[in-house]
Protein backbone atom coordinates (compact mmCIF):
# COMPACT_ATOMS: atom_id res chain seq x y z
CA MET A 1 -12.71 47.63 -16.60
CA ALA A 2 -13.33 50.46 -14.12
CA SER A 3 -10.59 51.09 -11.62
CA VAL A 4 -11.57 51.41 -7.99
CA THR A 5 -9.63 53.83 -5.81
CA PRO A 6 -9.64 53.89 -2.01
CA PHE A 7 -11.21 57.36 -2.15
CA ASP A 8 -14.40 56.34 -3.98
CA ASP A 9 -16.20 56.02 -0.64
CA TYR A 10 -15.32 59.58 0.38
CA TYR A 11 -16.35 63.11 -0.53
CA ASP A 12 -13.94 66.00 -0.35
CA LEU A 13 -15.05 69.21 1.36
CA VAL A 14 -16.45 70.91 -1.77
CA GLU A 15 -18.34 67.82 -2.98
CA ALA A 16 -19.85 67.26 0.47
CA ALA A 17 -20.87 70.93 0.74
CA ARG A 18 -22.58 70.66 -2.65
CA GLU A 19 -24.39 67.53 -1.50
CA LEU A 20 -25.68 69.39 1.61
CA ALA A 21 -26.38 72.61 -0.36
CA ILE A 22 -24.27 74.71 2.01
CA HIS A 23 -21.11 76.80 1.66
CA PRO A 24 -17.81 74.91 2.10
CA GLN A 25 -16.85 77.25 4.97
CA SER A 26 -20.07 76.26 6.78
CA LEU A 27 -19.18 72.60 6.35
CA ARG A 28 -15.66 73.29 7.66
CA ARG A 29 -17.25 74.88 10.76
CA LEU A 30 -19.47 71.82 11.30
CA ILE A 31 -16.41 69.58 11.06
CA LYS A 32 -14.51 71.69 13.60
CA GLN A 33 -17.54 71.51 15.93
CA ASN A 34 -17.35 67.69 15.62
CA LYS A 35 -20.85 67.50 14.15
CA ILE A 36 -19.58 65.69 11.05
CA PRO A 37 -16.77 63.13 11.28
CA ALA A 38 -14.02 63.91 8.79
CA THR A 39 -10.44 62.84 8.20
CA MET A 40 -7.64 65.17 7.18
CA PHE A 41 -5.60 63.63 4.36
CA ALA A 42 -2.92 65.51 2.41
CA GLY A 43 -4.29 68.83 3.66
CA LYS A 44 -7.89 68.09 2.63
CA TYR A 45 -10.90 66.97 4.61
CA LEU A 46 -12.40 63.66 3.53
CA ILE A 47 -15.91 62.71 4.63
CA ALA A 48 -17.20 59.14 4.33
CA ARG A 49 -20.25 58.91 2.06
CA ASP A 50 -22.29 56.85 4.53
CA LYS A 51 -21.54 59.27 7.40
CA LEU A 52 -22.56 62.23 5.24
CA GLU A 53 -25.82 60.51 4.28
CA MET A 54 -26.63 59.89 7.96
CA PHE A 55 -25.88 63.53 8.80
CA LYS A 56 -27.86 64.78 5.79
CA SER A 57 -30.99 62.89 6.85
CA ASN A 58 -31.19 64.95 10.08
CA TYR A 59 -29.62 68.24 8.99
CA ASP A 60 -31.61 71.45 8.57
CA PRO A 61 -29.49 74.03 6.69
CA ARG A 62 -31.70 76.98 7.66
CA PRO A 63 -29.89 79.51 9.85
CA GLY A 64 -31.03 80.40 13.35
CA ARG A 65 -32.54 78.47 16.22
CA LYS A 66 -34.67 75.48 15.38
CA PRO A 67 -38.07 75.01 17.03
CA ILE A 68 -38.07 72.44 19.81
CA ARG A 69 -40.28 69.46 19.05
CA ARG A 70 -42.55 68.75 21.99
CA LEU A 71 -44.71 65.70 22.36
CA LEU A 72 -47.54 67.48 24.25
């Protein structure tokens, strides 16, 4: 029987950074800019899996300014 822990629905900072293919320090900056919701627990950031998936669907990890999408 597999045990279920309350933290199975969360990534820690390093796991989430790997999932986004960015450096953990970059992810920490995004958290401090309130672009990714995270919870501090026991000195570590925890990011909900569903929130990270929503962020990942719209995130472009390339540095610099992004082109503005115009309709016409």
